[in-house]
Amino acid sequence: MQANGAWPEGVPGRLRLPSGRTVVGRGRRSTWPGDAPEPEFELVLAGRREGERPAWPSEVLRWPDFGVPADRDEALRALRAVLVRSTSERVAVSCRGGRGRTGTALACLAVLDGVGARAAVAYVRTNYDRHAVETPWQARFVRRLERPAAPRRP
């Protein structure tokens, strides 16, 4: 086992962030590889009816397929918590397929870790999955991450 929550080289879906922290992105329709250590925590990005939670500690964040998080502030809170946890725990982020929502969340983590918002999607596509972040509104969500949320109308 690696120290400080680092995922070992060769674990499928491993993404090294600029700070050196590592997280794993994955699709939940695939089983966890038996030769890889299990996550110590997983952020599950799910619509209303998307299966069961993993066997290890997890949090479910409501995030519709091909969309953006239902609650931006809640998503940012969860993503910041994942980033903090990744300093000392093996953390995974997942959705059903492991590309759209997971890729978007990983791009958000990259922004929170110091990658410019306009460069984050390319960073994740280069270092995680070339098909990550599937829709224009997911890419826009990442680009707008550095700006504060617009006030909501009453």
Protein backbone atom coordinates (compact mmCIF):
# COMPACT_ATOMS: atom_id res chain seq x y z
CA MET A 1 0.00 0.00 0.00
CA GLN A 2 1.22 3.49 -0.84
CA ALA A 3 1.54 6.15 1.85
CA ASN A 4 -0.48 9.36 1.98
CA GLY A 5 -3.47 8.02 0.09
CA ALA A 6 -1.57 7.67 -3.18
CA TRP A 7 -2.86 5.14 -5.66
CA PRO A 8 -0.11 2.87 -7.01
CA GLU A 9 0.94 3.11 -10.66
CA GLY A 10 -1.09 0.90 -12.97
CA VAL A 11 -4.44 1.14 -11.18
CA PRO A 12 -7.08 1.63 -13.90
CA GLY A 13 -8.50 5.17 -13.96
CA ARG A 14 -5.70 6.67 -11.85
CA LEU A 15 -5.32 10.44 -12.30
CA ARG A 16 -2.37 12.32 -10.87
CA LEU A 17 -3.29 15.92 -10.05
CA PRO A 18 -0.73 18.76 -10.31
CA SER A 19 -0.12 18.67 -6.54
CA GLY A 20 0.86 14.99 -6.77
CA ARG A 21 -2.38 13.77 -5.22
CA THR A 22 -3.98 10.84 -6.99
CA VAL A 23 -7.63 9.91 -7.44
CA VAL A 24 -9.27 7.12 -9.40
CA GLY A 25 -12.16 7.65 -11.78
CA ARG A 26 -14.24 4.65 -12.72
CA GLY A 27 -17.43 3.40 -14.27
CA ARG A 28 -19.64 1.56 -11.81
CA ARG A 29 -20.93 -0.90 -14.38
CA SER A 30 -17.46 -2.50 -14.27
CA THR A 31 -16.36 -4.52 -11.26
CA TRP A 32 -13.44 -3.34 -9.19
CA PRO A 33 -10.20 -4.98 -10.43
CA GLY A 34 -9.29 -7.74 -7.97
CA ASP A 35 -5.56 -6.97 -8.02
CA ALA A 36 -6.00 -3.27 -7.15
CA PRO A 37 -6.41 -1.97 -3.61
CA GLU A 38 -9.96 -0.88 -2.83
CA PRO A 39 -10.83 2.77 -2.32
CA GLU A 40 -11.06 4.01 1.23
CA PHE A 41 -13.80 6.41 0.08
CA GLU A 42 -15.82 6.87 -3.10
CA LEU A 43 -17.90 9.78 -4.36
CA VAL A 44 -20.74 8.24 -6.39
CA LEU A 45 -22.33 10.52 -8.99
CA ALA A 46 -25.81 9.20 -9.59
CA GLY A 47 -29.19 10.08 -11.00
CA ARG A 48 -32.32 8.99 -9.22
CA ARG A 49 -32.13 5.23 -9.72
CA GLU A 50 -28.56 4.18 -10.37
CA GLY A 51 -27.80 1.02 -8.48
CA GLU A 52 -26.24 0.25 -5.17
CA ARG A 53 -23.50 1.89 -3.20
CA PRO A 54 -20.04 0.33 -3.15
CA ALA A 55 -18.96 -1.93 -0.27
CA TRP A 56 -16.55 0.73 1.09
CA PRO A 57 -17.45 4.13 2.62
CA SER A 58 -19.09 6.44 0.10
CA GLU A 59 -21.25 9.48 -0.51
CA VAL A 60 -23.85 9.80 -3.27
CA LEU A 61 -24.08 13.12 -5.07
CA ARG A 62 -27.17 13.71 -7.20
CA TRP A 63 -25.91 14.30 -10.72
CA PRO A 64 -28.07 13.31 -13.72
CA ASP A 65 -26.53 11.34 -16.59
CA PHE A 66 -25.15 13.65 -19.33
CA GLY A 67 -25.87 16.61 -17.06
CA VAL A 68 -24.38 18.75 -14.34
CA PRO A 69 -24.89 18.46 -10.57
CA ALA A 70 -28.39 19.14 -9.32
CA ASP A 71 -26.93 21.45 -6.64
CA ARG A 72 -23.73 23.34 -7.56
CA ASP A 73 -22.87 24.30 -3.97
CA GLU A 74 -23.34 20.73 -2.72
CA ALA A 75 -21.18 19.44 -5.60
CA LEU A 76 -18.38 21.89 -4.77
CA ARG A 77 -18.55 20.91 -1.09
CA ALA A 78 -18.29 17.20 -2.00
CA LEU A 79 -15.47 17.76 -4.50
CA ARG A 80 -13.47 19.86 -2.03
CA ALA A 81 -13.91 17.08 0.55
CA VAL A 82 -12.65 14.52 -1.98
CA LEU A 83 -9.59 16.66 -2.67
CA VAL A 84 -8.83 16.94 1.06
CA ARG A 85 -9.37 13.20 1.59
CA SER A 86 -7.06 12.37 -1.31
CA THR A 87 -4.09 13.62 0.73
CA SER A 88 -4.42 10.70 3.16
CA GLU A 89 -6.88 8.20 1.63
CA ARG A 90 -7.35 6.28 -1.61
CA VAL A 91 -10.34 8.11 -3.09
CA ALA A 92 -12.42 7.18 -6.14
CA VAL A 93 -15.04 9.10 -8.13
CA SER A 94 -17.58 7.17 -10.16
CA CYS A 95 -20.69 7.28 -12.30
CA ARG A 96 -22.32 4.57 -14.38
CA GLY A 97 -19.96 4.78 -17.37
CA GLY A 98 -16.99 6.61 -15.85
CA ARG A 99 -16.66 9.27 -18.56
CA GLY A 100 -19.17 12.13 -18.54
CA ARG A 101 -19.98 12.87 -14.92
CA THR A 102 -16.80 11.28 -13.61
CA GLY A 103 -14.67 13.14 -16.14
CA THR A 104 -16.41 16.40 -15.26
CA ALA A 105 -15.84 15.83 -11.54
CA LEU A 106 -12.18 14.99 -12.18
CA ALA A 107 -11.81 18.18 -14.24
CA CYS A 108 -13.33 20.11 -11.34
CA LEU A 109 -10.83 18.47 -8.97
CA ALA A 110 -8.05 19.54 -11.35
CA VAL A 111 -9.30 23.16 -11.18
CA LEU A 112 -9.48 23.01 -7.39
CA ASP A 113 -5.91 21.63 -7.44
CA GLY A 114 -4.54 24.46 -9.58
CA VAL A 115 -5.23 23.71 -13.26
CA GLY A 116 -6.85 26.66 -15.04
CA ALA A 117 -10.56 26.17 -15.63
CA ARG A 118 -10.16 26.51 -19.41
CA ALA A 119 -7.39 23.87 -19.45
CA ALA A 120 -8.96 21.35 -17.04
CA VAL A 121 -11.04 19.38 -19.57
CA ALA A 122 -8.00 18.89 -21.81
CA TYR A 123 -5.94 17.89 -18.76
CA VAL A 124 -8.43 15.16 -17.83
CA ARG A 125 -8.82 13.99 -21.44
CA THR A 126 -5.03 13.68 -21.72
CA ASN A 127 -4.39 12.08 -18.33
CA TYR A 128 -7.56 10.07 -17.63
CA ASP A 129 -9.81 9.32 -20.65
CA ARG A 130 -9.90 11.02 -24.03
CA HIS A 131 -13.72 10.82 -24.01
CA ALA A 132 -14.12 12.41 -20.55
CA VAL A 133 -16.58 15.31 -20.16
CA GLU A 134 -19.22 14.34 -22.72
CA THR A 135 -21.45 17.38 -23.13
CA PRO A 136 -21.01 21.11 -23.76
CA TRP A 137 -22.82 21.97 -20.51
CA GLN A 138 -20.44 19.71 -18.54
CA ALA A 139 -17.47 21.56 -20.08
CA ARG A 140 -19.16 24.89 -19.29
CA PHE A 141 -19.69 23.77 -15.67
CA VAL A 142 -15.92 23.20 -15.37
CA ARG A 143 -15.03 26.51 -17.06
CA ARG A 144 -17.31 28.42 -14.68
CA LEU A 145 -15.90 26.73 -11.60
CA GLU A 146 -13.45 29.57 -10.83
CA ARG A 147 -16.26 32.12 -10.81
CA PRO A 148 -18.71 32.35 -7.93
CA ALA A 149 -22.18 31.02 -8.54
CA ALA A 150 -24.72 33.50 -9.90
CA PRO A 151 -27.35 34.51 -7.35
CA ARG A 152 -30.50 32.46 -7.62
CA ARG A 153 -33.76 34.15 -8.50
CA PRO A 154 -36.44 34.04 -5.80
